[in-house]
N, C-alpha and C. Protein backbone atom coordinates (compact mmCIF):
# COMPACT_ATOMS: atom_id res chain seq x y z
N MET A 1 0.85 -1.18 0.00
CA MET A 1 0.00 0.00 0.00
C MET A 1 0.90 1.25 0.00
N GLU A 2 0.34 2.32 -0.52
CA GLU A 2 1.11 3.54 -0.67
C GLU A 2 0.38 4.72 -0.05
N LEU A 3 1.11 5.79 0.15
CA LEU A 3 0.50 7.03 0.60
C LEU A 3 -0.22 7.65 -0.59
N ILE A 4 -1.31 8.32 -0.34
CA ILE A 4 -2.05 8.97 -1.42
C ILE A 4 -2.35 10.41 -1.04
N GLU A 5 -2.36 11.27 -2.04
CA GLU A 5 -2.70 12.67 -1.80
C GLU A 5 -3.83 13.12 -2.72
N ASP A 6 -3.69 12.88 -4.01
CA ASP A 6 -4.71 13.35 -4.93
C ASP A 6 -4.60 12.67 -6.29
N ILE A 7 -5.62 12.90 -7.09
CA ILE A 7 -5.62 12.53 -8.50
C ILE A 7 -5.81 13.84 -9.25
N VAL A 8 -4.92 14.12 -10.18
CA VAL A 8 -5.00 15.35 -10.96
C VAL A 8 -4.81 15.01 -12.43
N VAL A 9 -5.73 15.49 -13.27
CA VAL A 9 -5.59 15.35 -14.72
C VAL A 9 -5.64 16.74 -15.33
N SER A 10 -4.98 16.89 -16.50
CA SER A 10 -4.91 18.20 -17.12
C SER A 10 -4.92 18.05 -18.64
N TRP A 11 -5.48 19.07 -19.31
CA TRP A 11 -5.53 19.08 -20.76
C TRP A 11 -5.57 20.53 -21.25
N TYR A 12 -5.21 20.75 -22.51
CA TYR A 12 -5.14 22.08 -23.10
C TYR A 12 -6.12 22.23 -24.26
N ASN A 13 -6.32 23.48 -24.67
CA ASN A 13 -7.00 23.82 -25.92
C ASN A 13 -8.34 23.14 -26.15
N ARG A 14 -9.21 23.17 -25.17
CA ARG A 14 -10.56 22.67 -25.38
C ARG A 14 -11.55 23.71 -24.91
N GLN A 15 -11.76 24.68 -25.75
CA GLN A 15 -12.69 25.74 -25.41
C GLN A 15 -14.10 25.17 -25.37
N LYS A 16 -14.79 25.43 -24.28
CA LYS A 16 -16.15 24.94 -24.06
C LYS A 16 -17.01 26.06 -23.51
N THR A 17 -18.27 26.03 -23.85
CA THR A 17 -19.22 27.01 -23.33
C THR A 17 -19.56 26.68 -21.88
N LEU A 18 -20.22 27.63 -21.24
CA LEU A 18 -20.69 27.40 -19.87
C LEU A 18 -21.61 26.18 -19.82
N GLN A 19 -22.50 26.06 -20.77
CA GLN A 19 -23.41 24.92 -20.79
C GLN A 19 -22.64 23.60 -20.93
N GLU A 20 -21.67 23.56 -21.84
CA GLU A 20 -20.89 22.33 -22.03
C GLU A 20 -20.10 21.96 -20.77
N CYS A 21 -19.49 22.96 -20.13
CA CYS A 21 -18.73 22.70 -18.91
C CYS A 21 -19.65 22.22 -17.78
N THR A 22 -20.80 22.85 -17.65
CA THR A 22 -21.75 22.49 -16.59
C THR A 22 -22.24 21.06 -16.78
N GLU A 23 -22.67 20.74 -17.97
CA GLU A 23 -23.18 19.39 -18.24
C GLU A 23 -22.10 18.34 -18.04
N SER A 24 -20.90 18.62 -18.50
CA SER A 24 -19.82 17.64 -18.35
C SER A 24 -19.47 17.42 -16.88
N PHE A 25 -19.44 18.47 -16.10
CA PHE A 25 -19.11 18.32 -14.68
C PHE A 25 -20.20 17.54 -13.94
N ILE A 26 -21.45 17.78 -14.27
CA ILE A 26 -22.55 17.04 -13.64
C ILE A 26 -22.45 15.55 -13.97
N VAL A 27 -22.16 15.23 -15.22
CA VAL A 27 -22.01 13.83 -15.61
C VAL A 27 -20.83 13.21 -14.86
N PHE A 28 -19.74 13.97 -14.72
CA PHE A 28 -18.58 13.46 -13.99
C PHE A 28 -18.93 13.16 -12.53
N LEU A 29 -19.64 14.08 -11.87
CA LEU A 29 -20.05 13.82 -10.48
C LEU A 29 -20.92 12.57 -10.39
N GLU A 30 -21.79 12.38 -11.36
CA GLU A 30 -22.65 11.19 -11.38
C GLU A 30 -21.81 9.92 -11.54
N ARG A 31 -20.82 9.98 -12.40
CA ARG A 31 -19.95 8.82 -12.60
C ARG A 31 -19.19 8.49 -11.32
N LEU A 32 -18.70 9.52 -10.63
CA LEU A 32 -18.00 9.29 -9.36
C LEU A 32 -18.94 8.63 -8.35
N LYS A 33 -20.16 9.14 -8.25
CA LYS A 33 -21.14 8.60 -7.31
C LYS A 33 -21.47 7.15 -7.63
N MET A 34 -21.61 6.83 -8.90
CA MET A 34 -21.91 5.45 -9.29
C MET A 34 -20.73 4.53 -8.98
N PHE A 35 -19.53 5.04 -9.08
CA PHE A 35 -18.33 4.27 -8.80
C PHE A 35 -18.17 4.01 -7.30
N ASP A 36 -18.43 5.04 -6.51
CA ASP A 36 -18.24 4.93 -5.06
C ASP A 36 -19.23 5.89 -4.39
N SER A 37 -20.17 5.36 -3.65
CA SER A 37 -21.23 6.18 -3.06
C SER A 37 -20.69 7.23 -2.09
N ARG A 38 -19.45 7.09 -1.66
CA ARG A 38 -18.87 8.11 -0.77
C ARG A 38 -18.59 9.41 -1.52
N PHE A 39 -18.72 9.38 -2.85
CA PHE A 39 -18.58 10.60 -3.66
C PHE A 39 -19.94 11.18 -4.02
N GLU A 40 -20.95 10.88 -3.24
CA GLU A 40 -22.31 11.31 -3.56
C GLU A 40 -22.64 12.71 -3.04
N ILE A 41 -22.18 13.05 -1.86
CA ILE A 41 -22.58 14.30 -1.23
C ILE A 41 -21.42 15.29 -1.25
N TRP A 42 -21.73 16.50 -1.74
CA TRP A 42 -20.74 17.56 -1.83
C TRP A 42 -21.32 18.84 -1.23
N TYR A 43 -20.43 19.64 -0.67
CA TYR A 43 -20.78 20.93 -0.08
C TYR A 43 -19.94 22.01 -0.73
N LEU A 44 -20.47 23.22 -0.71
CA LEU A 44 -19.69 24.37 -1.12
C LEU A 44 -18.70 24.65 -0.01
N LYS A 45 -17.52 25.06 -0.38
CA LYS A 45 -16.55 25.40 0.66
C LYS A 45 -16.99 26.69 1.34
N GLY A 46 -16.74 26.77 2.64
CA GLY A 46 -17.13 27.94 3.41
C GLY A 46 -15.99 28.42 4.26
N GLY A 47 -16.22 29.49 4.99
CA GLY A 47 -15.19 30.05 5.86
C GLY A 47 -14.81 29.12 7.00
N ASN A 48 -15.77 28.31 7.44
CA ASN A 48 -15.52 27.34 8.49
C ASN A 48 -16.45 26.14 8.29
N ARG A 49 -16.18 25.07 9.01
CA ARG A 49 -16.94 23.82 8.85
C ARG A 49 -18.44 24.03 9.10
N LYS A 50 -18.79 24.75 10.13
CA LYS A 50 -20.19 24.96 10.48
C LYS A 50 -20.94 25.67 9.35
N ASP A 51 -20.34 26.73 8.81
CA ASP A 51 -20.98 27.45 7.71
C ASP A 51 -21.04 26.60 6.45
N ALA A 52 -19.97 25.89 6.16
CA ALA A 52 -19.93 25.06 4.95
C ALA A 52 -20.97 23.94 5.00
N MET A 53 -21.23 23.40 6.18
CA MET A 53 -22.20 22.31 6.31
C MET A 53 -23.62 22.76 5.98
N LYS A 54 -23.86 24.05 5.94
CA LYS A 54 -25.17 24.58 5.56
C LYS A 54 -25.34 24.64 4.05
N ASN A 55 -24.27 24.42 3.33
CA ASN A 55 -24.27 24.62 1.88
C ASN A 55 -24.13 23.32 1.10
N ILE A 56 -25.04 22.38 1.34
CA ILE A 56 -25.00 21.13 0.57
C ILE A 56 -25.34 21.46 -0.88
N LEU A 57 -24.64 20.81 -1.78
CA LEU A 57 -24.84 21.05 -3.20
C LEU A 57 -25.75 19.99 -3.80
N VAL A 58 -26.82 20.40 -4.41
CA VAL A 58 -27.64 19.50 -5.21
C VAL A 58 -27.08 19.65 -6.62
N PRO A 59 -26.50 18.59 -7.18
CA PRO A 59 -25.81 18.71 -8.48
C PRO A 59 -26.76 18.79 -9.68
N GLU A 60 -27.56 19.81 -9.68
CA GLU A 60 -28.46 20.07 -10.80
C GLU A 60 -27.89 21.18 -11.65
N TYR A 61 -28.38 21.27 -12.86
CA TYR A 61 -27.80 22.18 -13.84
C TYR A 61 -27.67 23.62 -13.32
N GLU A 62 -28.74 24.22 -12.85
CA GLU A 62 -28.69 25.63 -12.44
C GLU A 62 -27.72 25.86 -11.29
N ASN A 63 -27.64 24.92 -10.36
CA ASN A 63 -26.73 25.06 -9.22
C ASN A 63 -25.27 25.05 -9.66
N ILE A 64 -24.90 24.09 -10.49
CA ILE A 64 -23.52 24.01 -10.97
C ILE A 64 -23.21 25.19 -11.87
N ARG A 65 -24.14 25.52 -12.74
CA ARG A 65 -23.95 26.65 -13.66
C ARG A 65 -23.65 27.93 -12.89
N LYS A 66 -24.41 28.21 -11.84
CA LYS A 66 -24.21 29.42 -11.04
C LYS A 66 -22.86 29.41 -10.33
N LEU A 67 -22.41 28.24 -9.92
CA LEU A 67 -21.09 28.16 -9.29
C LEU A 67 -19.98 28.47 -10.29
N PHE A 68 -20.15 28.00 -11.52
CA PHE A 68 -19.16 28.31 -12.55
C PHE A 68 -19.19 29.80 -12.90
N CYS A 69 -20.38 30.33 -13.16
CA CYS A 69 -20.50 31.75 -13.52
C CYS A 69 -21.96 32.17 -13.42
N ASP A 70 -22.26 32.93 -12.40
CA ASP A 70 -23.63 33.34 -12.13
C ASP A 70 -24.18 34.31 -13.18
N LYS A 71 -23.33 35.14 -13.75
CA LYS A 71 -23.80 36.19 -14.66
C LYS A 71 -23.50 35.89 -16.13
N CYS A 72 -23.07 34.70 -16.44
CA CYS A 72 -22.74 34.34 -17.82
C CYS A 72 -23.94 33.70 -18.51
N ASN A 73 -23.95 33.77 -19.83
CA ASN A 73 -24.95 33.07 -20.63
C ASN A 73 -24.46 31.66 -20.90
N ASP A 74 -25.40 30.75 -21.13
CA ASP A 74 -25.05 29.35 -21.38
C ASP A 74 -24.10 29.17 -22.56
N ASP A 75 -24.23 30.02 -23.58
CA ASP A 75 -23.40 29.87 -24.77
C ASP A 75 -22.09 30.68 -24.70
N GLU A 76 -21.80 31.22 -23.53
CA GLU A 76 -20.60 32.05 -23.34
C GLU A 76 -19.38 31.18 -23.05
N TYR A 77 -18.24 31.65 -23.57
CA TYR A 77 -16.95 30.99 -23.31
C TYR A 77 -16.25 31.75 -22.18
N PRO A 78 -15.46 31.05 -21.37
CA PRO A 78 -14.78 31.73 -20.25
C PRO A 78 -13.63 32.61 -20.74
N LYS A 79 -13.32 33.64 -19.94
CA LYS A 79 -12.14 34.45 -20.25
C LYS A 79 -10.88 33.63 -20.03
N LEU A 80 -10.80 32.92 -18.92
CA LEU A 80 -9.70 32.00 -18.66
C LEU A 80 -10.25 30.58 -18.57
N SER A 81 -11.05 30.33 -17.54
CA SER A 81 -11.74 29.05 -17.41
C SER A 81 -12.85 29.23 -16.38
N TYR A 82 -13.77 28.28 -16.37
CA TYR A 82 -14.78 28.23 -15.32
C TYR A 82 -14.21 27.34 -14.22
N HIS A 83 -14.36 27.76 -12.98
CA HIS A 83 -13.76 27.02 -11.87
C HIS A 83 -14.82 26.66 -10.83
N ILE A 84 -14.66 25.47 -10.26
CA ILE A 84 -15.54 25.01 -9.19
C ILE A 84 -14.70 24.25 -8.19
N SER A 85 -15.06 24.35 -6.91
CA SER A 85 -14.34 23.65 -5.86
C SER A 85 -15.35 23.22 -4.80
N LEU A 86 -15.38 21.92 -4.52
CA LEU A 86 -16.35 21.34 -3.59
C LEU A 86 -15.64 20.54 -2.51
N TRP A 87 -16.36 20.24 -1.44
CA TRP A 87 -15.83 19.55 -0.27
C TRP A 87 -16.83 18.48 0.16
N ASN A 88 -16.34 17.39 0.75
CA ASN A 88 -17.22 16.26 1.10
C ASN A 88 -17.95 16.42 2.43
N GLY A 89 -17.62 17.42 3.23
CA GLY A 89 -18.28 17.60 4.52
C GLY A 89 -17.74 16.68 5.59
N GLY A 90 -16.49 16.25 5.45
CA GLY A 90 -15.88 15.36 6.44
C GLY A 90 -16.02 15.91 7.85
N ARG A 91 -16.38 15.06 8.79
CA ARG A 91 -16.66 15.51 10.16
C ARG A 91 -15.41 16.02 10.88
N ILE A 92 -14.25 15.53 10.44
CA ILE A 92 -12.97 16.05 10.96
C ILE A 92 -12.04 16.28 9.77
N ASP A 93 -11.08 17.17 9.95
CA ASP A 93 -10.19 17.54 8.83
C ASP A 93 -9.51 16.34 8.18
N SER A 94 -9.09 15.39 8.99
CA SER A 94 -8.34 14.26 8.45
C SER A 94 -9.19 13.35 7.56
N GLU A 95 -10.52 13.47 7.63
CA GLU A 95 -11.40 12.67 6.79
C GLU A 95 -12.04 13.50 5.68
N SER A 96 -11.60 14.73 5.53
CA SER A 96 -12.14 15.62 4.50
C SER A 96 -11.41 15.43 3.19
N PHE A 97 -12.16 15.54 2.11
CA PHE A 97 -11.56 15.53 0.78
C PHE A 97 -12.36 16.46 -0.11
N GLY A 98 -11.78 16.81 -1.24
CA GLY A 98 -12.45 17.76 -2.10
C GLY A 98 -12.22 17.48 -3.56
N ILE A 99 -13.01 18.16 -4.37
CA ILE A 99 -12.86 18.06 -5.82
C ILE A 99 -12.88 19.47 -6.38
N SER A 100 -12.07 19.70 -7.38
CA SER A 100 -12.08 21.00 -8.05
C SER A 100 -11.84 20.78 -9.53
N ALA A 101 -12.32 21.73 -10.32
CA ALA A 101 -12.14 21.65 -11.76
C ALA A 101 -12.07 23.06 -12.33
N SER A 102 -11.22 23.23 -13.32
CA SER A 102 -11.15 24.43 -14.14
C SER A 102 -11.40 23.97 -15.57
N LEU A 103 -12.46 24.46 -16.18
CA LEU A 103 -12.91 23.93 -17.47
C LEU A 103 -13.17 25.04 -18.47
N GLY A 104 -13.06 24.71 -19.75
CA GLY A 104 -13.48 25.58 -20.83
C GLY A 104 -12.40 26.43 -21.45
N SER A 105 -11.17 26.35 -20.98
CA SER A 105 -10.11 27.23 -21.46
C SER A 105 -9.54 26.79 -22.81
N SER A 106 -9.15 27.79 -23.58
CA SER A 106 -8.42 27.52 -24.82
C SER A 106 -7.06 28.19 -24.79
N GLU A 107 -6.70 28.81 -23.69
CA GLU A 107 -5.45 29.57 -23.56
C GLU A 107 -4.33 28.69 -23.02
N THR A 108 -3.57 28.06 -23.89
CA THR A 108 -2.50 27.17 -23.42
C THR A 108 -1.36 27.92 -22.76
N SER A 109 -1.15 29.17 -23.15
CA SER A 109 -0.03 29.89 -22.57
C SER A 109 -0.35 30.46 -21.19
N LYS A 110 -1.63 30.60 -20.86
CA LYS A 110 -2.01 31.22 -19.59
C LYS A 110 -2.68 30.25 -18.62
N TRP A 111 -3.43 29.30 -19.10
CA TRP A 111 -4.30 28.52 -18.24
C TRP A 111 -4.51 27.15 -18.84
N ASN A 112 -4.75 26.17 -18.03
CA ASN A 112 -5.08 24.85 -18.55
C ASN A 112 -6.33 24.31 -17.87
N ASN A 113 -6.97 23.41 -18.55
CA ASN A 113 -8.14 22.73 -18.00
C ASN A 113 -7.65 21.61 -17.10
N ASN A 114 -8.33 21.40 -15.98
CA ASN A 114 -7.89 20.34 -15.08
C ASN A 114 -9.03 19.94 -14.15
N CYS A 115 -8.86 18.78 -13.56
CA CYS A 115 -9.77 18.29 -12.54
C CYS A 115 -8.94 17.54 -11.52
N SER A 116 -9.21 17.80 -10.25
CA SER A 116 -8.44 17.13 -9.21
C SER A 116 -9.35 16.68 -8.07
N LEU A 117 -8.96 15.60 -7.47
CA LEU A 117 -9.63 15.06 -6.29
C LEU A 117 -8.56 14.92 -5.22
N SER A 118 -8.72 15.65 -4.12
CA SER A 118 -7.77 15.53 -3.01
C SER A 118 -8.34 14.53 -2.00
N PHE A 119 -7.49 13.66 -1.50
CA PHE A 119 -7.91 12.62 -0.57
C PHE A 119 -7.74 13.07 0.88
N PRO A 120 -8.49 12.44 1.78
CA PRO A 120 -8.24 12.67 3.21
C PRO A 120 -6.92 12.01 3.58
N TYR A 121 -6.43 12.25 4.76
CA TYR A 121 -5.18 11.60 5.15
C TYR A 121 -5.36 10.53 6.21
N GLU A 122 -6.62 10.16 6.48
CA GLU A 122 -6.91 8.98 7.29
C GLU A 122 -8.38 8.62 7.11
N GLY A 123 -8.77 7.48 7.64
CA GLY A 123 -10.16 7.06 7.55
C GLY A 123 -10.41 6.03 6.47
N ASP A 124 -11.68 5.63 6.33
CA ASP A 124 -12.05 4.54 5.43
C ASP A 124 -11.69 4.81 3.98
N ILE A 125 -12.04 6.00 3.48
CA ILE A 125 -11.79 6.28 2.06
C ILE A 125 -10.29 6.34 1.79
N TYR A 126 -9.54 6.88 2.73
CA TYR A 126 -8.08 6.92 2.58
C TYR A 126 -7.52 5.50 2.48
N GLU A 127 -7.93 4.64 3.40
CA GLU A 127 -7.42 3.27 3.41
C GLU A 127 -7.83 2.51 2.15
N TYR A 128 -9.04 2.73 1.69
CA TYR A 128 -9.51 2.04 0.49
C TYR A 128 -8.70 2.42 -0.74
N TYR A 129 -8.43 3.70 -0.91
CA TYR A 129 -7.71 4.15 -2.10
C TYR A 129 -6.19 4.07 -1.97
N ARG A 130 -5.70 3.70 -0.80
CA ARG A 130 -4.27 3.38 -0.67
C ARG A 130 -3.95 2.08 -1.39
N ILE A 131 -4.96 1.25 -1.58
CA ILE A 131 -4.78 0.00 -2.34
C ILE A 131 -4.68 0.39 -3.81
N LYS A 132 -3.55 0.09 -4.42
CA LYS A 132 -3.22 0.57 -5.75
C LYS A 132 -4.30 0.26 -6.79
N LYS A 133 -4.86 -0.94 -6.79
CA LYS A 133 -5.86 -1.28 -7.81
C LYS A 133 -7.12 -0.45 -7.67
N ASN A 134 -7.48 -0.08 -6.43
CA ASN A 134 -8.66 0.76 -6.21
C ASN A 134 -8.42 2.17 -6.75
N LYS A 135 -7.24 2.71 -6.46
CA LYS A 135 -6.92 4.06 -6.95
C LYS A 135 -6.82 4.05 -8.48
N GLU A 136 -6.27 3.00 -9.05
CA GLU A 136 -6.14 2.94 -10.51
C GLU A 136 -7.51 2.91 -11.19
N LYS A 137 -8.47 2.21 -10.60
CA LYS A 137 -9.82 2.19 -11.16
C LYS A 137 -10.45 3.58 -11.12
N LEU A 138 -10.20 4.31 -10.04
CA LEU A 138 -10.71 5.67 -9.94
C LEU A 138 -10.04 6.58 -10.97
N LYS A 139 -8.75 6.41 -11.14
CA LYS A 139 -8.03 7.19 -12.17
C LYS A 139 -8.61 6.94 -13.56
N GLU A 140 -9.03 5.71 -13.82
CA GLU A 140 -9.62 5.38 -15.12
C GLU A 140 -10.86 6.23 -15.40
N ILE A 141 -11.64 6.52 -14.38
CA ILE A 141 -12.83 7.36 -14.57
C ILE A 141 -12.41 8.77 -14.97
N PHE A 142 -11.39 9.31 -14.31
CA PHE A 142 -10.88 10.63 -14.66
C PHE A 142 -10.39 10.64 -16.11
N ILE A 143 -9.64 9.64 -16.48
CA ILE A 143 -9.08 9.59 -17.84
C ILE A 143 -10.17 9.39 -18.87
N ASP A 144 -11.10 8.49 -18.61
CA ASP A 144 -12.17 8.21 -19.56
C ASP A 144 -13.08 9.42 -19.75
N HIS A 145 -13.39 10.11 -18.67
CA HIS A 145 -14.32 11.23 -18.78
C HIS A 145 -13.67 12.48 -19.37
N TRP A 146 -12.51 12.86 -18.88
CA TRP A 146 -11.90 14.13 -19.28
C TRP A 146 -10.98 14.00 -20.49
N ASN A 147 -10.54 12.78 -20.81
CA ASN A 147 -9.61 12.58 -21.92
C ASN A 147 -8.42 13.54 -21.82
N PRO A 148 -7.71 13.51 -20.70
CA PRO A 148 -6.64 14.47 -20.47
C PRO A 148 -5.38 14.15 -21.27
N GLU A 149 -4.52 15.13 -21.37
CA GLU A 149 -3.23 14.93 -22.02
C GLU A 149 -2.17 14.46 -21.03
N LYS A 150 -2.43 14.72 -19.73
CA LYS A 150 -1.48 14.27 -18.72
C LYS A 150 -2.19 14.02 -17.40
N ILE A 151 -1.53 13.22 -16.57
CA ILE A 151 -2.02 12.90 -15.24
C ILE A 151 -0.84 13.01 -14.28
N MET A 152 -1.13 13.47 -13.08
CA MET A 152 -0.07 13.59 -12.08
C MET A 152 0.24 12.20 -11.54
N GLY A 153 1.50 11.83 -11.60
CA GLY A 153 1.93 10.54 -11.06
C GLY A 153 1.98 10.59 -9.54
N ASP A 154 2.10 9.43 -8.93
CA ASP A 154 2.17 9.35 -7.48
C ASP A 154 3.43 10.01 -6.92
N ASP A 155 4.43 10.22 -7.79
CA ASP A 155 5.65 10.89 -7.39
C ASP A 155 5.58 12.40 -7.54
N GLY A 156 4.39 12.92 -7.95
CA GLY A 156 4.22 14.36 -8.11
C GLY A 156 4.68 14.89 -9.46
N LYS A 157 5.03 14.00 -10.38
CA LYS A 157 5.48 14.43 -11.71
C LYS A 157 4.42 14.10 -12.74
N TRP A 158 4.30 14.96 -13.75
CA TRP A 158 3.30 14.75 -14.80
C TRP A 158 3.69 13.59 -15.71
N ILE A 159 2.69 12.82 -16.09
CA ILE A 159 2.85 11.71 -17.02
C ILE A 159 1.98 12.00 -18.23
N SER A 160 2.57 12.00 -19.42
CA SER A 160 1.81 12.21 -20.64
C SER A 160 1.00 10.97 -20.95
N LEU A 161 -0.21 11.18 -21.43
CA LEU A 161 -1.08 10.05 -21.78
C LEU A 161 -1.19 9.92 -23.29
């Protein structure tokens, strides 16, 4: 078994509208939930745990869309990218994990598209994904859904796909 920190995938030059980014992220959250029910509930990050726990996210189109860009039109492209960051609501910090994504960018020199899942550093989900085959299956979902050009290796170095 190995130590785990996160799964990060990245890709360039895929300009997408707000609608395309929103729909793709919702499908990705659904795929994660189907893979492992512990990825079912997400909260908006807040200033503190108590405030954040009031902000459960229902992953419906309008909710995700507003998090990406409240004042944008569905057919609008981002200036840099649309960004979202969510948290699992872990009861203690060591069991907390999060997901974030920056989507829709076409600016390779300034910004890249990416999606990352940060793991807790103890608890059931940490122990489960320390098993290499379990983490590899989860990585497959990231690769299959986002079709990235690179993935962060366990050594912290990028691997081209």
